[in-house]
Amino acid sequence: MLRKKLALLLLIVSPAIFAQDSTQTEAKPEKEFVKKTFENGIFINNQTVEGTSKKALGFIIQHRFGKMVDERNLYGIFSSANIRLGLDYGITKRISIGFGATKGMYYDLSWKAIILKQAKSGGMPVTVTYFGNVVAQTGELKNFRNQKNEYTFANRCTFFNELMIARKFNKAISWQVSGSYSYFNLVADSTLNHGFIGLSTIAQWRITSLLALQVEFDYPVNPDMINDPADATGTKKIKFQKPNLSFGLEYSTGQHQFQVFATTADKINPQSVIGENTNDFTKKRNMMIGFNITREFGF
């Protein structure tokens, strides 16, 4: 009788054990994502698909010297410079926010969300990230009145939205393309554009584990006339936005990244790089030296 009961118990339990083993065997492995398409979220003048790590605080210094005219100003080193200080915080693995201040005084609030991540072994082939910001400029009220002589706080604000698509091809080469829309609430004339569409591309070639070559190009799709300040004769010059070309080197120590480069963009906020750059890279003396320093602190 006991033998019959044991046999019956084995018949009941054995299928469940084999089914469990089969389920464990057939379970799909956890998806593995590609890491560090770029070393950090800033690439010369552009954002990258990378965000700030979860519960980490990122600090950045962005500096642009003057135009490399000649040796009298040490090729721009002793000319008037532009600088931005920024902080970024990772809320989750994919969402981060940031705040910064730029000479002039421009204050910016930004946000970034990684929508899709490139995966290994035949998974998602690219990383897709959205970035946006709002920039407000301080100063006297009279500088922010529209053509009807009306002032609102919105006249101080500009906006930027960008969608980035990037792929890391191997340990050495990464490439990103993006489309953006910049909007300026206040323009010099009611006939001028408020919004600008921009196309950007960045590419990185990692020479060693610590050193990388960087190149970027920003193109305003619908350039329009913008009013420059009066020159020495008191005459205002009317100019169109120009594409930006930059190239440089990045040295990374893991937590620190140092970027040194030559660029035609004397502005720093991305909507200004697309909508306000008037330096023509095809002409002499329109390039300037710049550097970025980033540091991420984990908590």
Protein backbone atom coordinates (compact mmCIF):
# COMPACT_ATOMS: atom_id res chain seq x y z
CA MET A 1 0.00 0.00 0.00
CA LEU A 2 2.82 2.40 0.90
CA ARG A 3 4.58 1.67 -2.37
CA LYS A 4 1.42 2.55 -4.32
CA LYS A 5 1.08 5.87 -2.51
CA LEU A 6 4.74 6.80 -3.20
CA ALA A 7 4.37 5.92 -6.86
CA LEU A 8 1.23 8.03 -7.11
CA LEU A 9 3.01 10.98 -5.44
CA LEU A 10 5.91 10.77 -7.90
CA LEU A 11 3.51 10.79 -10.84
CA ILE A 12 1.92 13.98 -9.52
CA VAL A 13 5.09 15.84 -8.55
CA SER A 14 7.38 14.89 -11.45
CA PRO A 15 5.53 16.81 -14.23
CA ALA A 16 5.56 19.95 -12.10
CA ILE A 17 9.31 19.65 -11.52
CA PHE A 18 10.04 19.05 -15.21
CA ALA A 19 7.75 21.94 -16.19
CA GLN A 20 9.57 24.26 -13.79
CA ASP A 21 12.96 23.17 -15.16
CA SER A 22 11.71 23.70 -18.69
CA THR A 23 10.44 27.20 -17.82
CA GLN A 24 13.77 28.12 -16.25
CA THR A 25 15.64 26.77 -19.26
CA GLU A 26 13.47 28.66 -21.77
CA ALA A 27 13.51 31.97 -19.81
CA LYS A 28 14.85 34.79 -21.94
CA PRO A 29 18.17 36.29 -20.80
CA GLU A 30 18.05 39.83 -19.45
CA LYS A 31 18.57 42.43 -22.20
CA GLU A 32 22.05 43.93 -22.18
CA PHE A 33 22.36 47.58 -23.20
CA VAL A 34 25.31 49.31 -24.85
CA LYS A 35 27.15 51.53 -22.39
CA LYS A 36 28.77 54.92 -22.95
CA THR A 37 27.90 55.76 -26.53
CA PHE A 38 29.53 59.04 -25.44
CA GLU A 39 31.37 59.78 -22.21
CA ASN A 40 28.82 62.33 -20.92
CA GLY A 41 25.83 64.49 -21.84
CA ILE A 42 27.81 67.37 -23.41
CA PHE A 43 29.73 67.19 -26.69
CA ILE A 44 31.44 70.55 -27.42
CA ASN A 45 28.27 72.64 -28.10
CA ASN A 46 25.77 69.80 -28.42
CA GLN A 47 23.82 67.55 -26.10
CA THR A 48 24.33 63.79 -26.44
CA VAL A 49 22.02 60.84 -25.85
CA GLU A 50 23.73 60.23 -22.52
CA GLY A 51 22.11 61.40 -19.28
CA THR A 52 23.28 61.94 -15.72
CA SER A 53 23.44 58.76 -13.64
CA LYS A 54 20.64 58.03 -11.19
CA LYS A 55 20.99 60.03 -7.94
CA ALA A 56 24.17 61.65 -9.25
CA LEU A 57 24.98 65.36 -9.53
CA GLY A 58 26.87 66.56 -12.58
CA PHE A 59 28.80 69.84 -12.69
CA ILE A 60 29.97 71.49 -15.90
CA ILE A 61 32.07 74.50 -16.89
CA GLN A 62 31.72 75.64 -20.52
CA HIS A 63 34.16 78.32 -21.66
CA ARG A 64 34.64 80.12 -24.99
CA PHE A 65 37.52 82.51 -25.63
CA GLY A 66 37.41 85.29 -28.24
CA LYS A 67 38.06 84.97 -31.96
CA MET A 68 41.54 83.87 -32.97
CA VAL A 69 42.45 87.14 -34.71
CA ASP A 70 46.21 87.44 -34.23
CA GLU A 71 49.03 87.35 -31.65
CA ARG A 72 48.07 90.74 -30.19
CA ASN A 73 45.27 89.09 -28.18
CA LEU A 74 47.09 85.74 -28.06
CA TYR A 75 44.69 84.42 -30.67
CA GLY A 76 41.59 85.12 -28.62
CA ILE A 77 42.84 83.99 -25.21
CA PHE A 78 42.87 87.58 -23.86
CA SER A 79 39.70 88.64 -25.68
CA SER A 80 36.25 88.84 -24.13
CA ALA A 81 35.11 85.35 -23.18
CA ASN A 82 31.77 83.58 -22.72
CA ILE A 83 31.18 81.09 -19.89
CA ARG A 84 28.40 78.89 -18.52
CA LEU A 85 28.19 77.01 -15.21
CA GLY A 86 25.69 74.18 -14.96
CA LEU A 87 24.35 71.46 -12.67
CA ASP A 88 22.50 68.29 -13.70
CA TYR A 89 20.79 65.71 -11.50
CA GLY A 90 19.74 62.17 -12.42
CA ILE A 91 16.22 61.48 -11.15
CA THR A 92 16.14 57.97 -12.64
CA LYS A 93 18.39 55.95 -14.92
CA ARG A 94 16.75 57.63 -17.90
CA ILE A 95 15.47 61.03 -16.71
CA SER A 96 17.55 64.00 -15.57
CA ILE A 97 17.07 67.73 -15.04
CA GLY A 98 19.52 70.62 -15.13
CA PHE A 99 20.06 74.27 -14.26
CA GLY A 100 22.68 76.69 -15.53
CA ALA A 101 23.81 80.31 -15.71
CA THR A 102 25.55 81.89 -18.70
CA LYS A 103 27.37 85.17 -18.95
CA GLY A 104 24.95 87.83 -20.00
CA MET A 105 22.98 86.80 -17.52
CA TYR A 106 21.05 83.91 -18.99
CA TYR A 107 19.48 81.32 -16.70
CA ASP A 108 18.39 77.97 -18.11
CA LEU A 109 16.26 75.07 -16.91
CA SER A 110 16.61 71.82 -18.86
CA TRP A 111 15.30 68.25 -18.92
CA LYS A 112 16.43 65.07 -20.67
CA ALA A 113 14.76 61.68 -21.17
CA ILE A 114 16.30 58.56 -22.73
CA ILE A 115 13.44 57.01 -24.71
CA LEU A 116 15.18 53.97 -26.23
CA LYS A 117 18.58 52.41 -25.51
CA GLN A 118 20.82 50.59 -27.93
CA ALA A 119 20.99 46.90 -27.03
CA LYS A 120 23.50 44.19 -27.82
CA SER A 121 22.92 40.93 -29.72
CA GLY A 122 20.36 42.06 -32.27
CA GLY A 123 18.29 44.30 -30.01
CA MET A 124 17.46 47.99 -30.45
CA PRO A 125 20.10 49.32 -32.92
CA VAL A 126 20.16 52.93 -31.68
CA THR A 127 19.68 55.11 -28.61
CA VAL A 128 16.97 57.79 -28.82
CA THR A 129 16.89 60.72 -26.38
CA TYR A 130 14.80 63.87 -26.04
CA PHE A 131 16.20 67.13 -24.63
CA GLY A 132 14.47 70.42 -23.91
CA ASN A 133 15.13 73.69 -22.13
CA VAL A 134 13.87 77.19 -21.42
CA VAL A 135 16.30 80.12 -21.12
CA ALA A 136 15.46 83.46 -19.49
CA GLN A 137 17.64 86.58 -19.72
CA THR A 138 17.85 89.17 -16.97
CA GLY A 139 18.28 92.91 -17.57
CA GLU A 140 16.35 96.17 -17.74
CA LEU A 141 12.69 96.02 -18.75
CA LYS A 142 13.25 98.43 -21.65
CA ASN A 143 15.38 95.83 -23.41
CA PHE A 144 12.47 93.39 -23.55
CA ARG A 145 9.64 95.46 -25.00
CA ASN A 146 8.10 94.27 -28.24
CA GLN A 147 7.22 96.29 -31.33
CA LYS A 148 4.11 97.60 -29.53
CA ASN A 149 6.27 98.79 -26.61
CA GLU A 150 4.71 96.12 -24.39
CA TYR A 151 6.61 94.13 -21.76
CA THR A 152 5.88 90.65 -20.49
CA PHE A 153 8.20 88.17 -18.78
CA ALA A 154 7.77 85.84 -21.77
CA ASN A 155 9.75 88.34 -23.86
CA ARG A 156 12.84 87.29 -21.90
CA CYS A 157 12.43 83.60 -22.75
CA THR A 158 13.66 81.30 -25.50
CA PHE A 159 12.91 77.59 -25.88
CA PHE A 160 14.68 74.57 -27.33
CA ASN A 161 13.50 71.02 -28.12
CA GLU A 162 15.64 68.30 -29.67
CA LEU A 163 15.37 64.63 -30.60
CA MET A 164 18.68 62.76 -30.82
CA ILE A 165 19.44 59.38 -32.43
CA ALA A 166 22.86 57.80 -31.84
CA ARG A 167 24.67 54.54 -32.42
CA LYS A 168 27.87 53.13 -31.00
CA PHE A 169 29.35 51.08 -33.85
CA ASN A 170 32.28 49.68 -31.89
CA LYS A 171 34.60 50.60 -29.02
CA ALA A 172 36.11 53.42 -31.09
CA ILE A 173 33.36 55.02 -33.19
CA SER A 174 30.08 56.66 -32.14
CA TRP A 175 27.80 58.84 -34.28
CA GLN A 176 24.71 60.93 -33.53
CA VAL A 177 22.22 62.91 -35.63
CA SER A 178 19.50 65.18 -34.27
CA GLY A 179 16.76 67.57 -35.24
CA SER A 180 15.80 70.58 -33.13
CA TYR A 181 13.35 73.45 -32.92
CA SER A 182 14.33 76.74 -31.26
CA TYR A 183 11.83 79.49 -30.46
CA PHE A 184 12.55 83.13 -29.56
CA ASN A 185 9.62 85.03 -28.06
CA LEU A 186 11.18 88.42 -28.80
CA VAL A 187 12.82 89.29 -32.14
CA ALA A 188 14.15 92.60 -33.47
CA ASP A 189 11.42 92.98 -36.10
CA SER A 190 7.90 91.57 -36.47
CA THR A 191 8.76 90.32 -39.97
CA LEU A 192 11.56 88.05 -38.70
CA ASN A 193 11.28 84.40 -37.74
CA HIS A 194 10.57 83.42 -34.16
CA GLY A 195 11.29 79.71 -34.71
CA PHE A 196 14.31 77.98 -36.21
CA ILE A 197 14.74 74.36 -37.29
CA GLY A 198 18.19 72.93 -36.79
CA LEU A 199 20.01 69.78 -37.90
CA SER A 200 23.09 68.63 -36.02
CA THR A 201 25.53 65.77 -36.21
CA ILE A 202 28.37 64.74 -33.93
CA ALA A 203 30.97 62.01 -34.33
CA GLN A 204 33.56 60.57 -31.99
CA TRP A 205 36.60 58.42 -32.65
CA ARG A 206 38.19 56.99 -29.54
CA ILE A 207 41.94 56.93 -30.11
CA THR A 208 42.73 55.31 -26.75
CA SER A 209 40.68 54.37 -23.69
CA LEU A 210 41.24 57.91 -22.36
CA LEU A 211 41.50 60.10 -25.48
CA ALA A 212 38.91 60.76 -28.22
CA LEU A 213 38.69 62.93 -31.34
CA GLN A 214 35.44 64.92 -31.64
CA VAL A 215 33.74 66.65 -34.60
CA GLU A 216 30.36 68.40 -34.76
CA PHE A 217 28.33 70.37 -37.31
CA ASP A 218 25.15 72.40 -36.69
CA TYR A 219 23.02 73.63 -39.58
CA PRO A 220 20.14 76.17 -39.39
CA VAL A 221 17.54 74.96 -41.90
CA ASN A 222 15.61 78.25 -42.12
CA PRO A 223 18.07 81.09 -41.38
CA ASP A 224 16.69 84.60 -41.15
CA MET A 225 18.10 88.09 -40.65
CA ILE A 226 19.08 89.06 -37.12
CA ASN A 227 20.17 92.49 -35.93
CA ASP A 228 23.71 92.75 -34.60
CA PRO A 229 24.69 95.61 -32.25
CA ALA A 230 25.86 98.81 -33.96
CA ASP A 231 29.50 98.85 -35.01
CA ALA A 232 31.99 101.66 -34.40
CA THR A 233 30.32 103.85 -37.06
CA GLY A 234 26.92 103.51 -35.39
CA THR A 235 25.52 101.46 -38.29
CA LYS A 236 23.68 98.23 -37.56
CA LYS A 237 24.76 95.21 -39.54
CA ILE A 238 22.16 92.74 -40.79
CA LYS A 239 23.39 89.15 -40.79
CA PHE A 240 22.02 85.66 -41.31
CA GLN A 241 22.63 82.69 -39.03
CA LYS A 242 25.56 80.53 -40.10
CA PRO A 243 26.31 76.82 -39.63
CA ASN A 244 28.65 75.92 -36.80
CA LEU A 245 31.69 73.70 -37.21
CA SER A 246 33.70 72.44 -34.24
CA PHE A 247 36.46 69.89 -33.71
CA GLY A 248 38.56 68.95 -30.73
CA LEU A 249 39.83 66.36 -28.25
CA GLU A 250 38.29 64.84 -25.13
CA TYR A 251 40.31 63.38 -22.29
CA SER A 252 38.34 61.24 -19.86
CA THR A 253 39.36 59.92 -16.46
CA GLY A 254 36.02 58.25 -15.73
CA GLN A 255 34.39 60.81 -13.45
CA HIS A 256 36.07 63.81 -15.13
CA GLN A 257 35.93 64.77 -18.82
CA PHE A 258 38.05 67.53 -20.36
CA GLN A 259 37.19 68.78 -23.85
CA VAL A 260 39.42 71.26 -25.72
CA PHE A 261 38.29 72.41 -29.16
CA ALA A 262 38.05 75.05 -31.88
CA THR A 263 34.56 76.27 -32.76
CA THR A 264 32.73 79.01 -34.68
CA ALA A 265 29.96 79.21 -32.05
CA ASP A 266 30.57 81.98 -29.51
CA LYS A 267 27.15 81.25 -27.93
CA ILE A 268 26.65 78.37 -25.51
CA ASN A 269 22.92 77.67 -25.07
CA PRO A 270 21.81 75.36 -27.91
CA GLN A 271 19.06 77.64 -29.27
CA SER A 272 21.64 80.41 -29.59
CA VAL A 273 24.08 78.10 -31.40
CA ILE A 274 21.35 77.41 -34.00
CA GLY A 275 19.51 80.74 -34.00
CA GLU A 276 22.15 83.39 -33.26
CA ASN A 277 25.51 82.23 -34.59
CA THR A 278 26.84 84.60 -37.29
CA ASN A 279 30.44 83.34 -37.50
CA ASP A 280 31.24 81.83 -40.89
CA PHE A 281 33.64 78.88 -40.67
CA THR A 282 34.61 79.33 -44.33
CA LYS A 283 36.24 82.68 -43.54
CA LYS A 284 39.41 83.41 -41.60
CA ARG A 285 39.41 84.62 -38.01
CA ASN A 286 35.95 83.31 -37.20
CA MET A 287 37.12 80.38 -35.07
CA MET A 288 37.69 80.48 -31.32
CA ILE A 289 39.19 78.16 -28.75
CA GLY A 290 36.96 76.68 -26.06
CA PHE A 291 36.91 74.04 -23.36
CA ASN A 292 34.39 72.05 -21.30
CA ILE A 293 35.06 70.42 -17.93
CA THR A 294 32.54 67.98 -16.46
CA ARG A 295 32.46 66.10 -13.16
CA GLU A 296 29.84 63.71 -11.82
CA PHE A 297 29.33 63.13 -8.08
CA GLY A 298 27.53 59.98 -6.94
CA PHE A 299 25.40 59.81 -3.79
